[in-house]
PDB file of N, CA and C in Angstrom:
ATOM      1  N   MET A   1      25.198   7.845  -3.528  1.00  0.00           N
ATOM      2  CA  MET A   1      24.888   9.015  -2.708  1.00  0.00           C
ATOM      3  C   MET A   1      24.309  10.133  -3.549  1.00  0.00           C
ATOM      4  N   ARG A   2      24.894  10.420  -4.699  1.00  0.00           N
ATOM      5  CA  ARG A   2      24.384  11.489  -5.549  1.00  0.00           C
ATOM      6  C   ARG A   2      22.915  11.296  -5.875  1.00  0.00           C
ATOM      7  N   GLY A   3      22.534  10.089  -6.233  1.00  0.00           N
ATOM      8  CA  GLY A   3      21.149   9.824  -6.605  1.00  0.00           C
ATOM      9  C   GLY A   3      20.179  10.227  -5.517  1.00  0.00           C
ATOM     10  N   ASN A   4      20.513   9.941  -4.276  1.00  0.00           N
ATOM     11  CA  ASN A   4      19.634  10.310  -3.171  1.00  0.00           C
ATOM     12  C   ASN A   4      19.526  11.812  -3.016  1.00  0.00           C
ATOM     13  N   ILE A   5      20.633  12.513  -3.092  1.00  0.00           N
ATOM     14  CA  ILE A   5      20.610  13.968  -2.954  1.00  0.00           C
ATOM     15  C   ILE A   5      19.823  14.594  -4.091  1.00  0.00           C
ATOM     16  N   VAL A   6      20.107  14.181  -5.299  1.00  0.00           N
ATOM     17  CA  VAL A   6      19.461  14.767  -6.470  1.00  0.00           C
ATOM     18  C   VAL A   6      17.974  14.453  -6.490  1.00  0.00           C
ATOM     19  N   SER A   7      17.589  13.252  -6.073  1.00  0.00           N
ATOM     20  CA  SER A   7      16.167  12.921  -6.106  1.00  0.00           C
ATOM     21  C   SER A   7      15.368  13.771  -5.133  1.00  0.00           C
ATOM     22  N   HIS A   8      15.977  14.240  -4.060  1.00  0.00           N
ATOM     23  CA  HIS A   8      15.266  15.085  -3.097  1.00  0.00           C
ATOM     24  C   HIS A   8      15.388  16.561  -3.430  1.00  0.00           C
ATOM     25  N   HIS A   9      16.422  16.943  -4.153  1.00  0.00           N
ATOM     26  CA  HIS A   9      16.667  18.346  -4.507  1.00  0.00           C
ATOM     27  C   HIS A   9      17.123  18.396  -5.963  1.00  0.00           C
ATOM     28  N   PRO A  10      16.173  18.337  -6.926  1.00  0.00           N
ATOM     29  CA  PRO A  10      16.554  18.268  -8.337  1.00  0.00           C
ATOM     30  C   PRO A  10      17.467  19.391  -8.799  1.00  0.00           C
ATOM     31  N   ALA A  11      17.329  20.591  -8.248  1.00  0.00           N
ATOM     32  CA  ALA A  11      18.174  21.699  -8.695  1.00  0.00           C
ATOM     33  C   ALA A  11      19.642  21.439  -8.391  1.00  0.00           C
ATOM     34  N   LEU A  12      19.940  20.566  -7.433  1.00  0.00           N
ATOM     35  CA  LEU A  12      21.338  20.260  -7.123  1.00  0.00           C
ATOM     36  C   LEU A  12      22.037  19.553  -8.269  1.00  0.00           C
ATOM     37  N   LEU A  13      21.288  18.915  -9.149  1.00  0.00           N
ATOM     38  CA  LEU A  13      21.945  18.220 -10.251  1.00  0.00           C
ATOM     39  C   LEU A  13      22.651  19.196 -11.170  1.00  0.00           C
ATOM     40  N   LEU A  14      22.245  20.462 -11.164  1.00  0.00           N
ATOM     41  CA  LEU A  14      22.922  21.453 -11.999  1.00  0.00           C
ATOM     42  C   LEU A  14      24.393  21.597 -11.621  1.00  0.00           C
ATOM     43  N   MET A  15      24.758  21.186 -10.405  1.00  0.00           N
ATOM     44  CA  MET A  15      26.155  21.232  -9.970  1.00  0.00           C
ATOM     45  C   MET A  15      26.993  20.175 -10.690  1.00  0.00           C
ATOM     46  N   TYR A  16      26.337  19.142 -11.226  1.00  0.00           N
ATOM     47  CA  TYR A  16      27.060  18.032 -11.840  1.00  0.00           C
ATOM     48  C   TYR A  16      27.079  18.093 -13.358  1.00  0.00           C
ATOM     49  N   VAL A  17      26.444  19.100 -13.944  1.00  0.00           N
ATOM     50  CA  VAL A  17      26.326  19.186 -15.392  1.00  0.00           C
ATOM     51  C   VAL A  17      27.648  19.650 -16.009  1.00  0.00           C
ATOM     52  N   VAL A  18      28.009  19.004 -17.116  1.00  0.00           N
ATOM     53  CA  VAL A  18      29.218  19.379 -17.852  1.00  0.00           C
ATOM     54  C   VAL A  18      28.842  19.639 -19.309  1.00  0.00           C
ATOM     55  N   ASP A  19      29.666  20.418 -19.993  1.00  0.00           N
ATOM     56  CA  ASP A  19      29.408  20.678 -21.409  1.00  0.00           C
ATOM     57  C   ASP A  19      29.918  19.508 -22.242  1.00  0.00           C
ATOM     58  N   SER A  20      29.823  19.636 -23.565  1.00  0.00           N
ATOM     59  CA  SER A  20      30.193  18.534 -24.460  1.00  0.00           C
ATOM     60  C   SER A  20      31.678  18.173 -24.394  1.00  0.00           C
ATOM     61  N   GLN A  21      32.485  19.069 -23.824  1.00  0.00           N
ATOM     62  CA  GLN A  21      33.918  18.804 -23.700  1.00  0.00           C
ATOM     63  C   GLN A  21      34.300  18.398 -22.280  1.00  0.00           C
ATOM     64  N   GLY A  22      33.285  18.146 -21.446  1.00  0.00           N
ATOM     65  CA  GLY A  22      33.539  17.675 -20.096  1.00  0.00           C
ATOM     66  C   GLY A  22      33.842  18.748 -19.071  1.00  0.00           C
ATOM     67  N   ARG A  23      33.699  20.024 -19.448  1.00  0.00           N
ATOM     68  CA  ARG A  23      33.960  21.116 -18.510  1.00  0.00           C
ATOM     69  C   ARG A  23      32.724  21.383 -17.661  1.00  0.00           C
ATOM     70  N   SER A  24      32.944  21.596 -16.387  1.00  0.00           N
ATOM     71  CA  SER A  24      31.858  21.846 -15.449  1.00  0.00           C
ATOM     72  C   SER A  24      31.120  23.135 -15.791  1.00  0.00           C
ATOM     73  N   LEU A  25      29.807  23.091 -15.669  1.00  0.00           N
ATOM     74  CA  LEU A  25      28.976  24.280 -15.858  1.00  0.00           C
ATOM     75  C   LEU A  25      28.464  24.797 -14.512  1.00  0.00           C
ATOM     76  N   ARG A  26      29.081  24.341 -13.459  1.00  0.00           N
ATOM     77  CA  ARG A  26      28.700  24.774 -12.116  1.00  0.00           C
ATOM     78  C   ARG A  26      28.815  26.297 -12.009  1.00  0.00           C
ATOM     79  N   GLY A  27      27.816  26.909 -11.450  1.00  0.00           N
ATOM     80  CA  GLY A  27      27.813  28.353 -11.272  1.00  0.00           C
ATOM     81  C   GLY A  27      27.286  29.116 -12.477  1.00  0.00           C
ATOM     82  N   ARG A  28      26.970  28.422 -13.566  1.00  0.00           N
ATOM     83  CA  ARG A  28      26.426  29.083 -14.743  1.00  0.00           C
ATOM     84  C   ARG A  28      24.919  29.284 -14.572  1.00  0.00           C
ATOM     85  N   SER A  29      24.371  30.180 -15.344  1.00  0.00           N
ATOM     86  CA  SER A  29      22.934  30.440 -15.251  1.00  0.00           C
ATOM     87  C   SER A  29      22.141  29.271 -15.827  1.00  0.00           C
ATOM     88  N   PHE A  30      20.908  29.163 -15.383  1.00  0.00           N
ATOM     89  CA  PHE A  30      19.996  28.147 -15.905  1.00  0.00           C
ATOM     90  C   PHE A  30      19.907  28.281 -17.422  1.00  0.00           C
ATOM     91  N   GLU A  31      19.779  29.513 -17.903  1.00  0.00           N
ATOM     92  CA  GLU A  31      19.661  29.776 -19.337  1.00  0.00           C
ATOM     93  C   GLU A  31      20.883  29.253 -20.095  1.00  0.00           C
ATOM     94  N   GLU A  32      22.071  29.503 -19.568  1.00  0.00           N
ATOM     95  CA  GLU A  32      23.297  29.065 -20.231  1.00  0.00           C
ATOM     96  C   GLU A  32      23.422  27.547 -20.228  1.00  0.00           C
ATOM     97  N   ILE A  33      23.066  26.920 -19.125  1.00  0.00           N
ATOM     98  CA  ILE A  33      23.126  25.452 -19.048  1.00  0.00           C
ATOM     99  C   ILE A  33      22.177  24.825 -20.064  1.00  0.00           C
ATOM    100  N   VAL A  34      20.955  25.347 -20.150  1.00  0.00           N
ATOM    101  CA  VAL A  34      19.981  24.812 -21.100  1.00  0.00           C
ATOM    102  C   VAL A  34      20.481  24.989 -22.533  1.00  0.00           C
ATOM    103  N   GLU A  35      21.045  26.145 -22.827  1.00  0.00           N
ATOM    104  CA  GLU A  35      21.537  26.378 -24.183  1.00  0.00           C
ATOM    105  C   GLU A  35      22.701  25.458 -24.528  1.00  0.00           C
ATOM    106  N   LYS A  36      23.676  25.337 -23.632  1.00  0.00           N
ATOM    107  CA  LYS A  36      24.864  24.522 -23.910  1.00  0.00           C
ATOM    108  C   LYS A  36      24.553  23.021 -23.941  1.00  0.00           C
ATOM    109  N   CYS A  37      23.671  22.563 -23.061  1.00  0.00           N
ATOM    110  CA  CYS A  37      23.422  21.131 -22.944  1.00  0.00           C
ATOM    111  C   CYS A  37      22.264  20.628 -23.796  1.00  0.00           C
ATOM    112  N   MET A  38      21.283  21.495 -24.031  1.00  0.00           N
ATOM    113  CA  MET A  38      20.083  21.045 -24.721  1.00  0.00           C
ATOM    114  C   MET A  38      19.853  21.749 -26.052  1.00  0.00           C
ATOM    115  N   GLY A  39      20.594  22.841 -26.300  1.00  0.00           N
ATOM    116  CA  GLY A  39      20.463  23.540 -27.565  1.00  0.00           C
ATOM    117  C   GLY A  39      19.287  24.494 -27.670  1.00  0.00           C
ATOM    118  N   PHE A  40      18.601  24.749 -26.564  1.00  0.00           N
ATOM    119  CA  PHE A  40      17.461  25.667 -26.570  1.00  0.00           C
ATOM    120  C   PHE A  40      17.931  27.043 -26.096  1.00  0.00           C
ATOM    121  N   ARG A  41      17.687  28.061 -26.895  1.00  0.00           N
ATOM    122  CA  ARG A  41      18.108  29.413 -26.546  1.00  0.00           C
ATOM    123  C   ARG A  41      16.968  30.171 -25.874  1.00  0.00           C
ATOM    124  N   GLY A  42      17.334  31.016 -24.908  1.00  0.00           N
ATOM    125  CA  GLY A  42      16.372  31.910 -24.285  1.00  0.00           C
ATOM    126  C   GLY A  42      15.474  31.304 -23.223  1.00  0.00           C
ATOM    127  N   VAL A  43      15.799  30.103 -22.747  1.00  0.00           N
ATOM    128  CA  VAL A  43      14.994  29.478 -21.690  1.00  0.00           C
ATOM    129  C   VAL A  43      15.475  30.018 -20.351  1.00  0.00           C
ATOM    130  N   LYS A  44      14.641  30.791 -19.694  1.00  0.00           N
ATOM    131  CA  LYS A  44      15.018  31.427 -18.430  1.00  0.00           C
ATOM    132  C   LYS A  44      13.997  31.103 -17.349  1.00  0.00           C
ATOM    133  N   LEU A  45      14.446  31.224 -16.127  1.00  0.00           N
ATOM    134  CA  LEU A  45      13.531  31.191 -14.990  1.00  0.00           C
ATOM    135  C   LEU A  45      13.343  32.629 -14.539  1.00  0.00           C
ATOM    136  N   ASP A  46      12.109  33.043 -14.380  1.00  0.00           N
ATOM    137  CA  ASP A  46      11.788  34.406 -13.979  1.00  0.00           C
ATOM    138  C   ASP A  46      12.001  34.557 -12.476  1.00  0.00           C
ATOM    139  N   ARG A  47      12.875  35.465 -12.080  1.00  0.00           N
ATOM    140  CA  ARG A  47      13.185  35.656 -10.652  1.00  0.00           C
ATOM    141  C   ARG A  47      11.949  36.067  -9.855  1.00  0.00           C
ATOM    142  N   GLY A  48      11.095  36.867 -10.461  1.00  0.00           N
ATOM    143  CA  GLY A  48       9.871  37.281  -9.772  1.00  0.00           C
ATOM    144  C   GLY A  48       8.975  36.098  -9.448  1.00  0.00           C
ATOM    145  N   ILE A  49       8.859  35.193 -10.405  1.00  0.00           N
ATOM    146  CA  ILE A  49       8.056  33.990 -10.177  1.00  0.00           C
ATOM    147  C   ILE A  49       8.764  33.089  -9.172  1.00  0.00           C
ATOM    148  N   SER A  50      10.081  32.969  -9.292  1.00  0.00           N
ATOM    149  CA  SER A  50      10.836  32.128  -8.354  1.00  0.00           C
ATOM    150  C   SER A  50      10.650  32.586  -6.917  1.00  0.00           C
ATOM    151  N   ARG A  51      10.548  33.882  -6.729  1.00  0.00           N
ATOM    152  CA  ARG A  51      10.421  34.449  -5.379  1.00  0.00           C
ATOM    153  C   ARG A  51       8.975  34.633  -4.936  1.00  0.00           C
ATOM    154  N   SER A  52       8.036  34.248  -5.766  1.00  0.00           N
ATOM    155  CA  SER A  52       6.626  34.417  -5.413  1.00  0.00           C
ATOM    156  C   SER A  52       6.223  33.410  -4.332  1.00  0.00           C
ATOM    157  N   ASP A  53       5.028  33.534  -3.853  1.00  0.00           N
ATOM    158  CA  ASP A  53       4.528  32.680  -2.765  1.00  0.00           C
ATOM    159  C   ASP A  53       4.110  31.321  -3.308  1.00  0.00           C
ATOM    160  N   TRP A  54       4.908  30.312  -3.016  1.00  0.00           N
ATOM    161  CA  TRP A  54       4.634  28.952  -3.481  1.00  0.00           C
ATOM    162  C   TRP A  54       3.826  28.154  -2.460  1.00  0.00           C
ATOM    163  N   SER A  55       3.485  28.771  -1.351  1.00  0.00           N
ATOM    164  CA  SER A  55       2.729  28.061  -0.312  1.00  0.00           C
ATOM    165  C   SER A  55       1.223  28.259  -0.461  1.00  0.00           C
ATOM    166  N   VAL A  56       0.807  28.986  -1.497  1.00  0.00           N
ATOM    167  CA  VAL A  56      -0.619  29.224  -1.703  1.00  0.00           C
ATOM    168  C   VAL A  56      -1.318  27.929  -2.094  1.00  0.00           C
ATOM    169  N   GLU A  57      -2.619  27.902  -1.891  1.00  0.00           N
ATOM    170  CA  GLU A  57      -3.376  26.690  -2.210  1.00  0.00           C
ATOM    171  C   GLU A  57      -3.367  26.394  -3.707  1.00  0.00           C
ATOM    172  N   TYR A  58      -3.469  27.440  -4.529  1.00  0.00           N
ATOM    173  CA  TYR A  58      -3.474  27.276  -5.982  1.00  0.00           C
ATOM    174  C   TYR A  58      -2.355  28.114  -6.596  1.00  0.00           C
ATOM    175  N   LEU A  59      -1.493  27.452  -7.328  1.00  0.00           N
ATOM    176  CA  LEU A  59      -0.401  28.157  -7.994  1.00  0.00           C
ATOM    177  C   LEU A  59      -0.943  28.893  -9.223  1.00  0.00           C
ATOM    178  N   SER A  60      -0.284  29.984  -9.583  1.00  0.00           N
ATOM    179  CA  SER A  60      -0.659  30.715 -10.790  1.00  0.00           C
ATOM    180  C   SER A  60      -0.207  29.924 -12.022  1.00  0.00           C
ATOM    181  N   ASN A  61      -0.754  30.264 -13.168  1.00  0.00           N
ATOM    182  CA  ASN A  61      -0.329  29.607 -14.411  1.00  0.00           C
ATOM    183  C   ASN A  61       1.161  29.825 -14.666  1.00  0.00           C
ATOM    184  N   ASP A  62       1.665  31.019 -14.339  1.00  0.00           N
ATOM    185  CA  ASP A  62       3.097  31.296 -14.514  1.00  0.00           C
ATOM    186  C   ASP A  62       3.953  30.418 -13.614  1.00  0.00           C
ATOM    187  N   GLN A  63       3.520  30.201 -12.378  1.00  0.00           N
ATOM    188  CA  GLN A  63       4.259  29.319 -11.468  1.00  0.00           C
ATOM    189  C   GLN A  63       4.261  27.884 -11.995  1.00  0.00           C
ATOM    190  N   ILE A  64       3.122  27.431 -12.470  1.00  0.00           N
ATOM    191  CA  ILE A  64       3.021  26.066 -12.998  1.00  0.00           C
ATOM    192  C   ILE A  64       3.916  25.902 -14.225  1.00  0.00           C
ATOM    193  N   LEU A  65       3.906  26.883 -15.106  1.00  0.00           N
ATOM    194  CA  LEU A  65       4.753  26.823 -16.291  1.00  0.00           C
ATOM    195  C   LEU A  65       6.231  26.799 -15.896  1.00  0.00           C
ATOM    196  N   GLN A  66       6.606  27.667 -14.976  1.00  0.00           N
ATOM    197  CA  GLN A  66       8.011  27.736 -14.574  1.00  0.00           C
ATOM    198  C   GLN A  66       8.471  26.441 -13.908  1.00  0.00           C
ATOM    199  N   VAL A  67       7.689  25.909 -13.011  1.00  0.00           N
ATOM    200  CA  VAL A  67       8.099  24.677 -12.331  1.00  0.00           C
ATOM    201  C   VAL A  67       8.113  23.505 -13.315  1.00  0.00           C
ATOM    202  N   SER A  68       7.259  23.532 -14.325  1.00  0.00           N
ATOM    203  CA  SER A  68       7.252  22.481 -15.340  1.00  0.00           C
ATOM    204  C   SER A  68       8.516  22.529 -16.183  1.00  0.00           C
ATOM    205  N   VAL A  69       8.929  23.721 -16.595  1.00  0.00           N
ATOM    206  CA  VAL A  69      10.160  23.881 -17.371  1.00  0.00           C
ATOM    207  C   VAL A  69      11.357  23.438 -16.534  1.00  0.00           C
ATOM    208  N   ASP A  70      11.404  23.878 -15.288  1.00  0.00           N
ATOM    209  CA  ASP A  70      12.504  23.519 -14.395  1.00  0.00           C
ATOM    210  C   ASP A  70      12.587  22.006 -14.209  1.00  0.00           C
ATOM    211  N   ALA A  71      11.457  21.383 -13.956  1.00  0.00           N
ATOM    212  CA  ALA A  71      11.443  19.927 -13.745  1.00  0.00           C
ATOM    213  C   ALA A  71      11.850  19.178 -15.009  1.00  0.00           C
ATOM    214  N   TYR A  72      11.355  19.611 -16.157  1.00  0.00           N
ATOM    215  CA  TYR A  72      11.695  18.953 -17.418  1.00  0.00           C
ATOM    216  C   TYR A  72      13.196  19.040 -17.693  1.00  0.00           C
ATOM    217  N   VAL A  73      13.743  20.236 -17.550  1.00  0.00           N
ATOM    218  CA  VAL A  73      15.177  20.425 -17.799  1.00  0.00           C
ATOM    219  C   VAL A  73      15.998  19.577 -16.824  1.00  0.00           C
ATOM    220  N   CYS A  74      15.650  19.613 -15.551  1.00  0.00           N
ATOM    221  CA  CYS A  74      16.396  18.817 -14.562  1.00  0.00           C
ATOM    222  C   CYS A  74      16.297  17.333 -14.867  1.00  0.00           C
ATOM    223  N   PHE A  75      15.124  16.866 -15.274  1.00  0.00           N
ATOM    224  CA  PHE A  75      14.964  15.456 -15.627  1.00  0.00           C
ATOM    225  C   PHE A  75      15.850  15.089 -16.815  1.00  0.00           C
ATOM    226  N   LYS A  76      15.784  15.886 -17.892  1.00  0.00           N
ATOM    227  CA  LYS A  76      16.564  15.580 -19.086  1.00  0.00           C
ATOM    228  C   LYS A  76      18.065  15.628 -18.809  1.00  0.00           C
ATOM    229  N   LEU A  77      18.505  16.611 -18.035  1.00  0.00           N
ATOM    230  CA  LEU A  77      19.928  16.701 -17.703  1.00  0.00           C
ATOM    231  C   LEU A  77      20.347  15.542 -16.805  1.00  0.00           C
ATOM    232  N   GLY A  78      19.490  15.172 -15.870  1.00  0.00           N
ATOM    233  CA  GLY A  78      19.782  14.030 -14.996  1.00  0.00           C
ATOM    234  C   GLY A  78      19.897  12.731 -15.765  1.00  0.00           C
ATOM    235  N   VAL A  79      19.013  12.536 -16.732  1.00  0.00           N
ATOM    236  CA  VAL A  79      19.065  11.331 -17.557  1.00  0.00           C
ATOM    237  C   VAL A  79      20.353  11.329 -18.381  1.00  0.00           C
ATOM    238  N   SER A  80      20.673  12.455 -18.988  1.00  0.00           N
ATOM    239  CA  SER A  80      21.881  12.479 -19.825  1.00  0.00           C
ATOM    240  C   SER A  80      23.155  12.346 -18.997  1.00  0.00           C
ATOM    241  N   ALA A  81      23.124  12.809 -17.749  1.00  0.00           N
ATOM    242  CA  ALA A  81      24.295  12.673 -16.875  1.00  0.00           C
ATOM    243  C   ALA A  81      24.263  11.371 -16.099  1.00  0.00           C
ATOM    244  N   ARG A  82      23.171  10.620 -16.232  1.00  0.00           N
ATOM    245  CA  ARG A  82      22.965   9.339 -15.531  1.00  0.00           C
ATOM    246  C   ARG A  82      23.045   9.476 -14.022  1.00  0.00           C
ATOM    247  N   LEU A  83      22.406  10.535 -13.514  1.00  0.00           N
ATOM    248  CA  LEU A  83      22.374  10.746 -12.056  1.00  0.00           C
ATOM    249  C   LEU A  83      21.146  10.097 -11.464  1.00  0.00           C
TER     250      LEU A  83
END
């Protein structure tokens, strides 16, 4: 069941992420999850970009960069959590 939910909504996998000691990181910021799980500091999602218009025909370079970072992190965390 998890695989189906996560494959349709990748951001939901952040609910299943745990730190190296098995403690849930649910409710933590994207930046904190990336730092604790992947070792990268300062990786953030910009709220302004997140709230921008994603229904436009052509996304801005900032939107493309942000969605690429989000997808990469979700993929890597999903692989490591085997979701």
